[in-house]
Protein backbone atom coordinates (compact mmCIF):
# COMPACT_ATOMS: atom_id res chain seq x y z
CA UNK A 1 5.79 14.48 10.21
CA UNK A 2 3.37 17.22 9.23
CA UNK A 3 1.51 18.19 6.07
CA UNK A 4 -1.28 20.70 5.93
CA UNK A 5 -3.06 20.62 9.28
CA UNK A 6 -2.17 16.97 9.86
CA UNK A 7 0.48 15.99 12.41
CA UNK A 8 1.66 12.36 12.19
CA UNK A 9 3.71 10.26 14.61
CA UNK A 10 5.67 8.57 11.82
CA UNK A 11 6.77 9.40 8.27
CA UNK A 12 5.96 5.87 7.10
CA UNK A 13 2.70 5.26 5.21
CA UNK A 14 0.61 2.26 4.18
CA UNK A 15 -0.10 2.56 0.45
CA UNK A 16 -3.44 1.63 -1.07
CA UNK A 17 -3.43 -1.79 -2.77
CA UNK A 18 -6.70 -2.69 -4.47
CA UNK A 19 -8.38 -5.66 -2.85
CA UNK A 20 -5.97 -5.90 0.08
CA UNK A 21 -5.59 -2.73 2.18
CA UNK A 22 -9.05 -3.03 3.67
CA UNK A 23 -10.02 -2.41 7.30
CA UNK A 24 -8.74 -5.76 8.64
CA UNK A 25 -5.26 -5.34 7.20
CA UNK A 26 -5.03 -1.70 8.23
CA UNK A 27 -5.85 -2.72 11.81
CA UNK A 28 -3.21 -5.46 11.70
CA UNK A 29 -0.55 -2.98 10.56
CA UNK A 30 -1.55 -0.46 13.22
CA UNK A 31 -1.41 -3.10 15.96
CA UNK A 32 2.08 -4.19 14.90
CA UNK A 33 3.15 -0.53 14.99
CA UNK A 34 5.30 2.05 13.22
CA UNK A 35 2.89 3.33 10.57
CA UNK A 36 1.98 7.01 10.53
CA UNK A 37 -0.98 7.08 8.14
CA UNK A 38 -3.01 4.36 6.40
CA UNK A 39 -4.98 4.88 3.20
CA UNK A 40 -8.04 2.98 2.00
CA UNK A 41 -8.31 1.04 -1.23
CA UNK A 42 -8.91 3.40 -4.13
CA UNK A 43 -12.61 4.11 -4.48
CA UNK A 44 -14.59 5.53 -7.38
CA UNK A 45 -15.87 9.00 -6.48
CA UNK A 46 -19.06 8.50 -8.49
CA UNK A 47 -19.79 5.24 -6.68
CA UNK A 48 -19.65 7.06 -3.35
CA UNK A 49 -21.98 9.79 -4.56
CA UNK A 50 -24.40 7.14 -5.81
CA UNK A 51 -24.18 5.52 -2.33
CA UNK A 52 -23.05 2.20 -3.74
CA UNK A 53 -22.79 -0.24 -0.79
CA UNK A 54 -19.61 -1.75 -2.22
CA UNK A 55 -17.98 1.68 -2.32
CA UNK A 56 -18.92 2.34 1.30
CA UNK A 57 -17.48 -1.06 2.26
CA UNK A 58 -14.16 0.01 0.73
CA UNK A 59 -13.96 3.00 3.09
CA UNK A 60 -15.33 1.19 6.15
CA UNK A 61 -13.39 2.14 9.26
CA UNK A 62 -13.43 1.93 13.06
CA UNK A 63 -12.16 4.03 16.00
CA UNK A 64 -8.90 2.04 16.05
CA UNK A 65 -8.31 2.76 12.35
CA UNK A 66 -6.94 6.28 12.77
CA UNK A 67 -5.53 8.44 11.32
CA UNK A 68 -7.05 7.41 7.99
CA UNK A 69 -6.90 8.85 4.47
CA UNK A 70 -9.38 7.91 1.75
CA UNK A 71 -8.11 7.59 -1.80
CA UNK A 72 -10.47 8.67 -4.58
CA UNK A 73 -10.25 8.22 -8.32
CA UNK A 74 -12.25 9.97 -10.99
CA UNK A 75 -11.91 12.74 -13.54
CA UNK A 76 -15.08 14.81 -13.10
CA UNK A 77 -14.28 17.80 -10.92
CA UNK A 78 -17.75 18.14 -9.40
CA UNK A 79 -17.86 14.45 -8.46
CA UNK A 80 -14.41 14.55 -6.89
CA UNK A 81 -15.35 17.62 -4.82
CA UNK A 82 -18.58 16.05 -3.61
CA UNK A 83 -16.89 12.75 -2.77
CA UNK A 84 -14.15 14.61 -0.86
CA UNK A 85 -16.80 16.36 1.23
CA UNK A 86 -18.44 13.00 1.93
CA UNK A 87 -15.26 11.35 3.23
CA UNK A 88 -14.40 14.42 5.27
CA UNK A 89 -17.83 14.19 6.93
CA UNK A 90 -17.16 10.51 7.69
CA UNK A 91 -13.99 11.32 9.64
CA UNK A 92 -11.14 10.98 7.15
CA UNK A 93 -8.16 13.15 8.13
CA UNK A 94 -6.97 13.46 4.54
CA UNK A 95 -8.20 12.76 1.02
CA UNK A 96 -5.81 11.37 -1.58
CA UNK A 97 -6.30 11.66 -5.34
CA UNK A 98 -5.16 8.68 -7.37
CA UNK A 99 -3.11 9.89 -10.32
CA UNK A 100 -0.94 6.80 -10.55
CA UNK A 101 -3.10 3.70 -11.03
CA UNK A 102 -2.04 2.11 -14.34
CA UNK A 103 -4.99 -0.22 -14.90
CA UNK A 104 -7.30 0.32 -17.86
CA UNK A 105 -10.49 0.37 -15.78
CA UNK A 106 -9.29 3.55 -14.05
CA UNK A 107 -7.33 5.14 -16.89
CA UNK A 108 -10.12 4.81 -19.48
CA UNK A 109 -12.37 7.17 -17.49
CA UNK A 110 -9.60 9.75 -17.27
CA UNK A 111 -8.52 8.81 -13.74
CA UNK A 112 -5.30 7.34 -12.37
CA UNK A 113 -2.26 7.77 -14.61
CA UNK A 114 -4.34 9.52 -17.28
CA UNK A 115 -4.45 12.58 -15.01
CA UNK A 116 -0.70 13.01 -15.55
CA UNK A 117 -1.25 13.78 -19.24
CA UNK A 118 -3.49 16.85 -18.78
CA UNK A 119 -1.79 19.12 -16.28
CA UNK A 120 -4.08 22.15 -16.53
CA UNK A 121 -7.26 20.11 -16.20
CA UNK A 122 -5.83 18.12 -13.30
CA UNK A 123 -4.64 21.26 -11.48
CA UNK A 124 -8.11 22.80 -11.82
CA UNK A 125 -9.74 19.65 -10.40
CA UNK A 126 -7.33 19.70 -7.46
CA UNK A 127 -7.93 23.39 -6.76
CA UNK A 128 -11.65 22.75 -6.54
CA UNK A 129 -11.17 19.92 -4.04
CA UNK A 130 -8.72 21.93 -1.92
CA UNK A 131 -11.19 24.81 -1.71
CA UNK A 132 -14.08 22.49 -0.84
CA UNK A 133 -12.65 20.68 2.23
CA UNK A 134 -10.80 21.63 5.38
CA UNK A 135 -8.67 18.46 5.53
CA UNK A 136 -5.42 18.16 3.54
CA UNK A 137 -5.69 16.99 -0.07
CA UNK A 138 -2.79 14.88 -1.36
CA UNK A 139 -1.99 13.24 -4.69
CA UNK A 140 -0.51 9.86 -5.61
CA UNK A 141 1.27 9.85 -8.97
CA UNK A 142 3.78 7.94 -11.05
CA UNK A 143 6.85 9.36 -12.76
CA UNK A 144 4.92 9.71 -16.00
CA UNK A 145 3.05 7.86 -18.70
CA UNK A 146 6.21 6.27 -20.14
CA UNK A 147 9.96 6.91 -20.27
CA UNK A 148 9.46 9.56 -22.96
CA UNK A 149 6.88 11.43 -20.88
CA UNK A 150 8.26 11.84 -17.35
CA UNK A 151 5.79 14.53 -16.34
CA UNK A 152 5.88 14.09 -12.55
CA UNK A 153 8.11 17.12 -11.76
CA UNK A 154 5.95 19.45 -13.85
CA UNK A 155 2.77 18.00 -12.39
CA UNK A 156 4.15 18.30 -8.86
CA UNK A 157 4.83 22.02 -9.38
CA UNK A 158 1.35 22.55 -10.78
CA UNK A 159 -0.26 20.69 -7.90
CA UNK A 160 1.72 22.64 -5.31
CA UNK A 161 0.46 25.87 -6.88
CA UNK A 162 -3.08 24.42 -6.75
CA UNK A 163 -2.83 23.87 -2.99
CA UNK A 164 -1.99 20.17 -2.69
CA UNK A 165 -0.61 19.36 0.78
CA UNK A 166 1.71 16.46 -0.09
CA UNK A 167 2.68 14.29 -3.04
CA UNK A 168 3.18 10.52 -3.09
CA UNK A 169 5.23 9.38 -6.06
CA UNK A 170 5.69 5.80 -7.25
CA UNK A 171 9.06 5.53 -8.93
CA UNK A 172 7.76 3.79 -12.05
CA UNK A 173 5.90 4.94 -15.16
CA UNK A 174 2.42 3.90 -16.14
CA UNK A 175 3.95 1.81 -18.94
CA UNK A 176 6.01 -0.17 -16.40
CA UNK A 177 2.99 -1.16 -14.34
CA UNK A 178 4.42 -2.99 -11.31
CA UNK A 179 7.43 -4.44 -13.13
CA UNK A 180 10.92 -3.17 -13.81
CA UNK A 181 13.18 -1.14 -11.59
CA UNK A 182 11.99 1.70 -9.40
CA UNK A 183 13.74 4.90 -10.47
CA UNK A 184 15.07 6.65 -7.35
CA UNK A 185 16.57 9.46 -9.43
CA UNK A 186 13.10 10.11 -10.82
CA UNK A 187 11.68 10.46 -7.32
CA UNK A 188 14.55 12.80 -6.42
CA UNK A 189 13.60 15.07 -9.34
CA UNK A 190 10.07 15.36 -7.95
CA UNK A 191 11.48 16.23 -4.51
CA UNK A 192 13.57 18.97 -6.14
CA UNK A 193 10.64 20.28 -8.19
CA UNK A 194 8.51 21.46 -5.27
CA UNK A 195 9.24 24.36 -2.93
CA UNK A 196 7.55 23.60 0.37
CA UNK A 197 5.34 20.50 0.38
CA UNK A 198 6.60 17.04 1.40
CA UNK A 199 7.17 14.33 -1.21
CA UNK A 200 6.67 10.72 -0.09
CA UNK A 201 8.50 8.05 -2.07
CA UNK A 202 6.90 4.74 -3.02
CA UNK A 203 7.63 1.61 -5.01
CA UNK A 204 9.11 -1.80 -4.23
CA UNK A 205 10.05 -1.03 -0.62
CA UNK A 206 10.16 -4.60 0.69
CA UNK A 207 12.74 -4.25 3.47
CA UNK A 208 13.82 -1.63 6.02
CA UNK A 209 17.11 -1.32 4.10
CA UNK A 210 15.17 -0.42 0.95
CA UNK A 211 13.22 2.24 2.84
CA UNK A 212 16.46 3.74 4.15
CA UNK A 213 18.01 3.74 0.67
CA UNK A 214 14.93 5.53 -0.70
CA UNK A 215 15.19 8.16 2.03
CA UNK A 216 18.94 8.59 1.54
CA UNK A 217 19.01 8.75 -2.26
CA UNK A 218 15.87 10.77 -2.97
CA UNK A 219 15.65 13.19 -0.04
CA UNK A 220 11.98 12.31 0.30
CA UNK A 221 10.17 13.33 3.48
CA UNK A 222 8.45 9.96 3.91
CA UNK A 223 8.15 6.48 2.45
CA UNK A 224 4.91 4.72 1.55
CA UNK A 225 4.83 0.91 1.52
CA UNK A 226 2.29 -1.36 -0.18
CA UNK A 227 3.21 -4.92 -1.15
CA UNK A 228 6.19 -4.86 1.20
CA UNK A 229 3.77 -4.59 4.12
CA UNK A 230 2.08 -7.83 3.08
CA UNK A 231 5.35 -9.70 3.03
CA UNK A 232 6.20 -8.10 6.35
CA UNK A 233 3.53 -6.21 8.37
CA UNK A 234 6.38 -5.47 10.81
CA UNK A 235 8.26 -3.45 8.17
CA UNK A 236 7.11 -0.08 9.55
CA UNK A 237 8.29 -0.82 13.08
CA UNK A 238 11.55 -2.37 11.84
CA UNK A 239 12.22 0.59 9.52
CA UNK A 240 11.71 3.12 12.30
CA UNK A 241 14.13 1.15 14.47
CA UNK A 242 16.73 1.09 11.68
CA UNK A 243 16.39 4.82 11.02
CA UNK A 244 16.65 5.72 14.69
CA UNK A 245 19.36 3.33 15.85
CA UNK A 246 21.17 2.05 12.76
CA UNK A 247 20.34 -1.49 13.91
CA UNK A 248 18.53 -3.91 11.60
CA UNK A 249 16.18 -6.12 13.57
CA UNK A 250 15.73 -9.73 12.39
CA UNK A 251 12.64 -10.80 10.50
CA UNK A 252 9.79 -11.96 12.76
CA UNK A 253 9.82 -15.55 13.97
CA UNK A 254 7.50 -18.19 12.57
CA UNK A 255 5.41 -18.09 15.75
CA UNK A 256 5.01 -14.33 15.47
CA UNK A 257 3.99 -14.62 11.82
CA UNK A 258 1.35 -17.21 12.75
CA UNK A 259 0.06 -15.00 15.57
CA UNK A 260 -0.46 -12.05 13.22
CA UNK A 261 -1.86 -14.31 10.48
CA UNK A 262 -4.53 -15.55 12.91
CA UNK A 263 -5.28 -12.02 14.07
CA UNK A 264 -5.71 -10.96 10.45
CA UNK A 265 -8.13 -13.83 9.83
CA UNK A 266 -10.16 -13.00 12.93
CA UNK A 267 -10.52 -9.40 11.76
CA UNK A 268 -11.55 -10.55 8.27
CA UNK A 269 -14.32 -12.67 9.77
CA UNK A 270 -15.40 -9.83 12.04
CA UNK A 271 -15.64 -7.31 9.19
CA UNK A 272 -16.81 -9.49 6.29
CA UNK A 273 -18.45 -12.51 7.96
CA UNK A 274 -17.19 -16.08 7.87
CA UNK A 275 -18.12 -17.01 4.31
CA UNK A 276 -16.82 -13.92 2.51
CA UNK A 277 -13.98 -13.39 5.00
CA UNK A 278 -12.61 -16.88 4.42
CA UNK A 279 -12.98 -16.54 0.66
CA UNK A 280 -11.06 -13.26 0.67
CA UNK A 281 -8.44 -14.75 2.98
CA UNK A 282 -7.55 -17.34 0.34
CA UNK A 283 -5.60 -14.56 -1.41
CA UNK A 284 -4.15 -13.17 1.82
CA UNK A 285 -2.70 -16.24 3.55
CA UNK A 286 -0.12 -17.00 0.80
CA UNK A 287 1.45 -13.57 1.37
CA UNK A 288 2.32 -14.66 4.91
CA UNK A 289 3.45 -18.14 3.91
CA UNK A 290 6.05 -16.79 1.47
CA UNK A 291 8.30 -16.30 4.52
CA UNK A 292 7.41 -19.62 6.22
CA UNK A 293 9.96 -21.68 4.31
CA UNK A 294 8.53 -24.76 2.52
CA UNK A 295 4.84 -23.98 2.26
CA UNK A 296 3.27 -25.83 -0.66
CA UNK A 297 1.30 -28.10 1.68
CA UNK A 298 -0.22 -25.03 3.30
CA UNK A 299 -0.88 -23.09 0.09
CA UNK A 300 -2.59 -25.89 -1.84
CA UNK A 301 -5.17 -26.28 0.95
CA UNK A 302 -5.62 -22.70 2.14
CA UNK A 303 -6.81 -21.54 -1.30
CA UNK A 304 -9.96 -23.60 -0.67
CA UNK A 305 -10.62 -22.57 2.93
CA UNK A 306 -14.30 -21.93 3.71
CA UNK A 307 -14.58 -21.81 7.52
CA UNK A 308 -12.50 -20.77 10.52
CA UNK A 309 -12.52 -24.35 11.82
CA UNK A 310 -11.19 -25.59 8.50
CA UNK A 311 -8.42 -22.99 8.57
CA UNK A 312 -7.40 -24.02 12.08
CA UNK A 313 -7.15 -27.64 10.91
CA UNK A 314 -5.09 -26.64 7.86
CA UNK A 315 -2.71 -24.61 10.00
CA UNK A 316 -2.27 -27.35 12.62
CA UNK A 317 -1.61 -29.91 9.90
CA UNK A 318 0.91 -27.61 8.22
CA UNK A 319 2.78 -26.92 11.46
CA UNK A 320 3.16 -30.68 12.00
CA UNK A 321 4.30 -31.20 8.38
CA UNK A 322 6.80 -28.30 8.62
CA UNK A 323 8.71 -29.94 11.50
CA UNK A 324 10.70 -32.09 9.05
CA UNK A 325 12.48 -28.92 7.89
CA UNK A 326 13.51 -27.78 11.38
CA UNK A 327 16.78 -28.31 13.22
CA UNK A 328 17.23 -29.49 16.79
CA UNK A 329 16.76 -25.91 17.98
CA UNK A 330 13.28 -25.79 16.42
CA UNK A 331 14.37 -23.25 13.81
CA UNK A 332 14.14 -23.67 10.04
CA UNK A 333 17.28 -25.28 8.63
CA UNK A 334 19.26 -22.75 6.62
CA UNK A 335 18.94 -24.64 3.34
CA UNK A 336 15.15 -24.32 3.55
CA UNK A 337 15.07 -20.63 4.53
CA UNK A 338 13.38 -18.26 2.07
CA UNK A 339 15.71 -16.07 0.04
CA UNK A 340 16.24 -12.54 1.35
CA UNK A 341 13.86 -9.94 -0.03
CA UNK A 342 15.64 -7.40 -2.25
CA UNK A 343 14.12 -4.27 -3.77
CA UNK A 344 14.44 -3.82 -7.53
CA UNK A 345 16.64 -0.77 -7.00
CA UNK A 346 19.03 -2.76 -4.77
CA UNK A 347 19.51 -5.79 -7.06
CA UNK A 348 22.43 -6.66 -9.26
CA UNK A 349 21.32 -5.33 -12.67
CA UNK A 350 22.41 -8.61 -14.26
CA UNK A 351 20.09 -10.69 -12.08
CA UNK A 352 16.50 -11.57 -12.82
CA UNK A 353 13.99 -12.09 -10.05
CA UNK A 354 10.50 -13.42 -10.57
CA UNK A 355 7.67 -11.52 -8.89
CA UNK A 356 6.27 -13.69 -6.11
CA UNK A 357 3.03 -11.87 -5.34
CA UNK A 358 0.35 -11.39 -7.99
CA UNK A 359 -0.76 -7.79 -8.35
CA UNK A 360 -4.50 -7.08 -8.70
CA UNK A 361 -5.55 -6.15 -12.21
CA UNK A 362 -7.73 -3.29 -10.97
CA UNK A 363 -9.88 -1.95 -8.19
CA UNK A 364 -12.16 -4.71 -7.05
CA UNK A 365 -14.79 -4.97 -4.38
CA UNK A 366 -15.32 -8.73 -4.12
CA UNK A 367 -12.76 -11.47 -4.71
């Protein structure tokens, strides 16, 4: 896939998710394979300009973390231009503008979803950034502020005219937040609104089948995955396989999940140190365990983990406890298997499904 001057090996993207898509997780996803471009957590442009250490930690990277886009939020044109130049100088291959974040902390300063309500001002800000840097500038938006203000197609046209290289669109409104059904028809309207630039669909892609349905029904050029990658870091590789062969690979085994879980923890300790890394991992480990089968014994202890040695003991104890739910073949008995993951746009409209993973309330630096 190509946009602007950037050539990518895959048209699958890791979406920013505040508090989670940091360097350790991006490296995990890259090692598993299939992702074309990863994006940092959203970072306040002003914080970068002020050289806030927490902001620089959000965009921390390494040679293995490439190609990498940095996502900025803000509403002051001069600050966004200066921050874009800073991330370009630090090796980012693309800079993404957050126009979709629904949280008040971002919206109240005129960033995130608020940028969808002032098209002329937003287009002028984008034009200034495009003219300032040599790397592609992209935008992440939602369908609109609410169902009565679905401004994404108009905004997409304005941004294309301003020189944006690609558009990422989350198929929900700001009013929906992270709930409700992703609107594939809404994404398709954005695809139809632009003339030349690629549109990347996003929202509730939790399985390879959901990614394929988004491709098929919207005509989007790529798919960006956020929470679905935490349920299944293998989703990029499995989606590519499905798209290329028509074959759906099985979910990873328990042993493979544990292997990647441990790799993720090791990277957290390497990047953040043992104390902070373990504290942050308390929110990460339950994402993996959602697909372990019965996991309450693991979850109730892992949320208090403080050291690597303690985590190893918790995991060993859990593996021994979990054996009671296995058959003679060592596999989880069917009655204890987790329910299949189903995207909101692939569910029976009459069904109700509780969200399993808590969504961060805003951009955060320390958990």
